[in-house]
Each structure stands twice: as structure tokens, then as C-alpha cells.
Amino acid sequence: MKITSWNVNSIKARNAHVQRYLKEFKPDGFRIDTVRHVRLPFWQTFSPSIMAYAQEQGIPNFHIFGEVYDPNPAQLSRFTTEGKLPSVLDFGFQQAAADVFYRKHNPQTIDALFAQDDLYIDEDSQADLLMTFLGNHDMGRTGYFIEQGVPDASNEEKLKRSILSHAFMYLSRGIPVVY
């Protein structure tokens, strides 16, 4: 069965389904998988309506973030500005952190990423709301990246790289996510 995500009836049905979850369970937020595979007009309707419904249900700090597996801020930001999602997983942050802390790239990589933070600014989103992370179940985690990037490093150096990258994630802009 094919479900057309841009069809008005499909949007209404999905909203009703999600509203039942919000009403019954009162979650703090939703992580939405594979956002980039659904057309932007769906998110433009879905996200604001779900955010408003969460407020009506007494969930004042409800948050939605989507997975858009792309490290390019120009692409990621389309989903928080045009697409009306409050946040996305910051694959740009993940790649820049991995390049600097695990692959010994120039730290200017991070500066170049942060210089693009204005792309995320609109009435309901900004770079501070992006979900920062260092790895996940789809791509690998910190230990894997360190082993790939600096295989001959001592265990002590590998541990220090992990600690430093995690400190950077926790103390940097964005909302840290640990997978």
C-alpha cells in the first residue's frame, strides 16, 4: 500500500494518530526518522500542528527533531526553516567533530561549520536547538571512528580523544544526544 505523505487526508490521519500518542502518553518530544524522504509540504503542516496540539495538552516544552542524514548545513537548514521542524540531528556537527577529534583535520573545520549557523534562524528555530551527536547506530560510534582515524594511537590517546570530543559536544551550541 502506498501512502502519499502530501495528500491532505494522509496528513490528517497522521496528525490524528500522533495526537492520540500526545494525549495519552504526554511525551517530552519526538525524534522523527528519515525526514528527508518525505516532501517538505508535509512537514510544513505536520510540525506546527503537532507542536500546537502538544501545547494544548499541557506539554509546554515539547520538542520535535528530525533525522536528515546530510552533513551540509544548507540542506539540513531547509528542514528547520522551509520544513518548519524545530530541529534536526546535526550531521554537520557530527562530521566536523569526527574530522577534528578522530581524523586529525584542521580545527578550522568546526569554525567553518559554525559560520553557517545563521542558515537555521527563523521564527521557531536556530542553531542552538540542533541536536548534536558524535555517532549513532547507522554510522558508528566514537570508538569506531577513533579506531578508524588513529589506529596506531595508544589507548590513552584514544581515551583522551573520546573525552575531548564529548566535552566539546556537551559544552558547544546545540542539544547533546548520546546514542
Foldseek 3Di string as FASTA:
>chain_A
DDDQLLDPVSLVVVLVVVLVCCLPPVDQEEEAEPVVVHDLNSLLPNQVVNQVSSVVSVNPNYAYEYEDQDQDCLVQLCCVPSSVHQEYANNVLQVLLLCVLQQVDDNCSVVVVVVCQVSNDDDRYTQLAYEYENDDPVGDHLLVSNCVRCVPDDPVSSVVSVVVSVVCQVPDRHHYDYD
